[in-house]
Amino acid sequence: MLRRHLLAGTVTTFEEYERAQLFFDAGDYITAAQILPAVVADAPADLAPRLLLARAYYHSAQLKKAEGELRHIIDQCPTENYALLMLGRTLQRQSRHAEAETYMKMARAFGI
């Protein structure tokens, strides 16, 4: 696991992920979205930080960024039903309803 150096000492990528999760849970989506790109860069194959980043972008109305992260997740795991649902909702918020419906139907087909 890669490590990140901070003033307080060495912090692991997992600790940064946990920190971002705390900000997200507290409703501070912008701060979570600022922390998570480094976590995603350190662990690009791990979908959990990328999904949390997409959610933070979504909740902070950074919809194009959310869309990009969600498309990456779906490219890696086409049956990730929550990402399909989130992408559908992200597209709806951008008034791209016809495109959104495709992803909403896929999410329903996989059980959401």
C-alpha atoms as a PDB file:
ATOM      1  CA  MET A   1       0.000   0.000   0.000  1.00  0.00           C
ATOM      2  CA  LEU A   2       1.295   3.427  -0.910  1.00  0.00           C
ATOM      3  CA  ARG A   3       1.792   6.016   1.773  1.00  0.00           C
ATOM      4  CA  ARG A   4       1.212   9.734   1.807  1.00  0.00           C
ATOM      5  CA  HIS A   5       3.354  12.087   3.909  1.00  0.00           C
ATOM      6  CA  LEU A   6       1.535  14.731   5.912  1.00  0.00           C
ATOM      7  CA  LEU A   7       2.714  17.183   8.544  1.00  0.00           C
ATOM      8  CA  ALA A   8       1.500  14.884  11.325  1.00  0.00           C
ATOM      9  CA  GLY A   9       3.471  11.912   9.962  1.00  0.00           C
ATOM     10  CA  THR A  10       2.937   9.135   7.482  1.00  0.00           C
ATOM     11  CA  VAL A  11      -0.653   8.253   6.645  1.00  0.00           C
ATOM     12  CA  THR A  12      -1.668   5.224   4.615  1.00  0.00           C
ATOM     13  CA  THR A  13      -4.000   5.366   1.665  1.00  0.00           C
ATOM     14  CA  PHE A  14      -6.552   3.428   3.698  1.00  0.00           C
ATOM     15  CA  GLU A  15      -6.411   6.033   6.478  1.00  0.00           C
ATOM     16  CA  GLU A  16      -6.994   8.767   3.907  1.00  0.00           C
ATOM     17  CA  TYR A  17      -9.959   6.782   2.577  1.00  0.00           C
ATOM     18  CA  GLU A  18     -11.374   6.518   6.107  1.00  0.00           C
ATOM     19  CA  ARG A  19     -10.838  10.248   6.595  1.00  0.00           C
ATOM     20  CA  ALA A  20     -12.692  10.998   3.357  1.00  0.00           C
ATOM     21  CA  GLN A  21     -15.490   8.661   4.468  1.00  0.00           C
ATOM     22  CA  LEU A  22     -15.844  10.652   7.703  1.00  0.00           C
ATOM     23  CA  PHE A  23     -16.173  13.916   5.770  1.00  0.00           C
ATOM     24  CA  PHE A  24     -18.674  12.297   3.414  1.00  0.00           C
ATOM     25  CA  ASP A  25     -20.729  10.929   6.309  1.00  0.00           C
ATOM     26  CA  ALA A  26     -20.730  14.403   7.894  1.00  0.00           C
ATOM     27  CA  GLY A  27     -22.138  15.854   4.666  1.00  0.00           C
ATOM     28  CA  ASP A  28     -18.919  17.655   3.704  1.00  0.00           C
ATOM     29  CA  TYR A  29     -18.874  16.281   0.181  1.00  0.00           C
ATOM     30  CA  ILE A  30     -16.482  18.896  -1.189  1.00  0.00           C
ATOM     31  CA  THR A  31     -13.750  18.016   1.306  1.00  0.00           C
ATOM     32  CA  ALA A  32     -14.294  14.312   0.657  1.00  0.00           C
ATOM     33  CA  ALA A  33     -13.985  15.015  -3.079  1.00  0.00           C
ATOM     34  CA  GLN A  34     -10.710  16.850  -2.453  1.00  0.00           C
ATOM     35  CA  ILE A  35      -9.193  13.939  -0.504  1.00  0.00           C
ATOM     36  CA  LEU A  36     -10.339  11.034  -2.655  1.00  0.00           C
ATOM     37  CA  PRO A  37      -8.539  11.663  -5.993  1.00  0.00           C
ATOM     38  CA  ALA A  38      -5.211  10.869  -4.311  1.00  0.00           C
ATOM     39  CA  VAL A  39      -6.697   7.723  -2.796  1.00  0.00           C
ATOM     40  CA  VAL A  40      -8.013   6.660  -6.209  1.00  0.00           C
ATOM     41  CA  ALA A  41      -4.601   7.371  -7.757  1.00  0.00           C
ATOM     42  CA  ASP A  42      -2.890   5.253  -5.091  1.00  0.00           C
ATOM     43  CA  ALA A  43      -5.338   2.346  -5.488  1.00  0.00           C
ATOM     44  CA  PRO A  44      -6.745   2.570  -9.029  1.00  0.00           C
ATOM     45  CA  ALA A  45      -8.011  -1.026  -9.113  1.00  0.00           C
ATOM     46  CA  ASP A  46     -10.065  -0.606  -5.922  1.00  0.00           C
ATOM     47  CA  LEU A  47     -13.606   0.427  -6.866  1.00  0.00           C
ATOM     48  CA  ALA A  48     -14.728   1.476  -3.364  1.00  0.00           C
ATOM     49  CA  PRO A  49     -12.751   4.756  -3.237  1.00  0.00           C
ATOM     50  CA  ARG A  50     -13.763   5.565  -6.810  1.00  0.00           C
ATOM     51  CA  LEU A  51     -17.435   4.973  -5.991  1.00  0.00           C
ATOM     52  CA  LEU A  52     -17.178   7.165  -2.898  1.00  0.00           C
ATOM     53  CA  LEU A  53     -15.505   9.841  -5.047  1.00  0.00           C
ATOM     54  CA  ALA A  54     -18.327   9.618  -7.584  1.00  0.00           C
ATOM     55  CA  ARG A  55     -20.873   9.961  -4.783  1.00  0.00           C
ATOM     56  CA  ALA A  56     -19.017  12.970  -3.338  1.00  0.00           C
ATOM     57  CA  TYR A  57     -18.974  14.599  -6.762  1.00  0.00           C
ATOM     58  CA  TYR A  58     -22.675  13.843  -7.236  1.00  0.00           C
ATOM     59  CA  HIS A  59     -23.667  15.310  -3.874  1.00  0.00           C
ATOM     60  CA  SER A  60     -21.524  18.409  -4.435  1.00  0.00           C
ATOM     61  CA  ALA A  61     -23.092  18.925  -7.900  1.00  0.00           C
ATOM     62  CA  GLN A  62     -19.894  18.170  -9.797  1.00  0.00           C
ATOM     63  CA  LEU A  63     -21.927  16.092 -12.201  1.00  0.00           C
ATOM     64  CA  LYS A  64     -19.479  15.793 -15.108  1.00  0.00           C
ATOM     65  CA  LYS A  65     -16.804  14.499 -12.727  1.00  0.00           C
ATOM     66  CA  ALA A  66     -19.285  12.100 -11.141  1.00  0.00           C
ATOM     67  CA  GLU A  67     -20.250  10.848 -14.586  1.00  0.00           C
ATOM     68  CA  GLY A  68     -16.611  10.223 -15.500  1.00  0.00           C
ATOM     69  CA  GLU A  69     -15.923   8.217 -12.351  1.00  0.00           C
ATOM     70  CA  LEU A  70     -19.124   6.203 -12.725  1.00  0.00           C
ATOM     71  CA  ARG A  71     -18.366   5.383 -16.354  1.00  0.00           C
ATOM     72  CA  HIS A  72     -14.912   4.191 -15.299  1.00  0.00           C
ATOM     73  CA  ILE A  73     -16.453   1.926 -12.654  1.00  0.00           C
ATOM     74  CA  ILE A  74     -18.955   0.509 -15.146  1.00  0.00           C
ATOM     75  CA  ASP A  75     -16.157  -0.089 -17.663  1.00  0.00           C
ATOM     76  CA  GLN A  76     -14.320  -2.101 -14.995  1.00  0.00           C
ATOM     77  CA  CYS A  77     -17.405  -3.868 -13.618  1.00  0.00           C
ATOM     78  CA  PRO A  78     -20.438  -3.685 -15.950  1.00  0.00           C
ATOM     79  CA  THR A  79     -22.728  -5.338 -13.385  1.00  0.00           C
ATOM     80  CA  GLU A  80     -22.014  -2.845 -10.581  1.00  0.00           C
ATOM     81  CA  ASN A  81     -25.675  -2.014 -10.099  1.00  0.00           C
ATOM     82  CA  TYR A  82     -25.214   0.908  -7.719  1.00  0.00           C
ATOM     83  CA  ALA A  83     -22.882   2.616 -10.212  1.00  0.00           C
ATOM     84  CA  LEU A  84     -25.479   2.042 -12.942  1.00  0.00           C
ATOM     85  CA  LEU A  85     -28.158   3.623 -10.762  1.00  0.00           C
ATOM     86  CA  MET A  86     -25.911   6.538  -9.805  1.00  0.00           C
ATOM     87  CA  LEU A  87     -24.987   7.141 -13.443  1.00  0.00           C
ATOM     88  CA  GLY A  88     -28.669   7.173 -14.361  1.00  0.00           C
ATOM     89  CA  ARG A  89     -29.416   9.707 -11.644  1.00  0.00           C
ATOM     90  CA  THR A  90     -26.386  11.792 -12.589  1.00  0.00           C
ATOM     91  CA  LEU A  91     -27.572  11.933 -16.181  1.00  0.00           C
ATOM     92  CA  GLN A  92     -31.093  12.836 -15.017  1.00  0.00           C
ATOM     93  CA  ARG A  93     -29.708  15.775 -13.055  1.00  0.00           C
ATOM     94  CA  GLN A  94     -28.057  16.932 -16.280  1.00  0.00           C
ATOM     95  CA  SER A  95     -31.442  16.687 -18.087  1.00  0.00           C
ATOM     96  CA  ARG A  96     -30.169  13.810 -20.227  1.00  0.00           C
ATOM     97  CA  HIS A  97     -33.279  11.734 -19.521  1.00  0.00           C
ATOM     98  CA  ALA A  98     -33.242   9.394 -22.537  1.00  0.00           C
ATOM     99  CA  GLU A  99     -29.633   8.405 -21.847  1.00  0.00           C
ATOM    100  CA  ALA A 100     -30.367   8.100 -18.134  1.00  0.00           C
ATOM    101  CA  GLU A 101     -33.217   5.674 -18.737  1.00  0.00           C
ATOM    102  CA  THR A 102     -30.827   3.162 -20.315  1.00  0.00           C
ATOM    103  CA  TYR A 103     -28.774   3.008 -17.113  1.00  0.00           C
ATOM    104  CA  MET A 104     -31.835   3.014 -14.868  1.00  0.00           C
ATOM    105  CA  LYS A 105     -33.204  -0.010 -16.760  1.00  0.00           C
ATOM    106  CA  MET A 106     -29.871  -1.830 -16.405  1.00  0.00           C
ATOM    107  CA  ALA A 107     -29.796  -1.058 -12.664  1.00  0.00           C
ATOM    108  CA  ARG A 108     -33.319  -2.458 -12.273  1.00  0.00           C
ATOM    109  CA  ALA A 109     -32.324  -5.566 -14.243  1.00  0.00           C
ATOM    110  CA  PHE A 110     -29.476  -6.161 -11.769  1.00  0.00           C
ATOM    111  CA  GLY A 111     -31.729  -5.775  -8.766  1.00  0.00           C
ATOM    112  CA  ILE A 112     -32.054  -2.130  -7.766  1.00  0.00           C
END
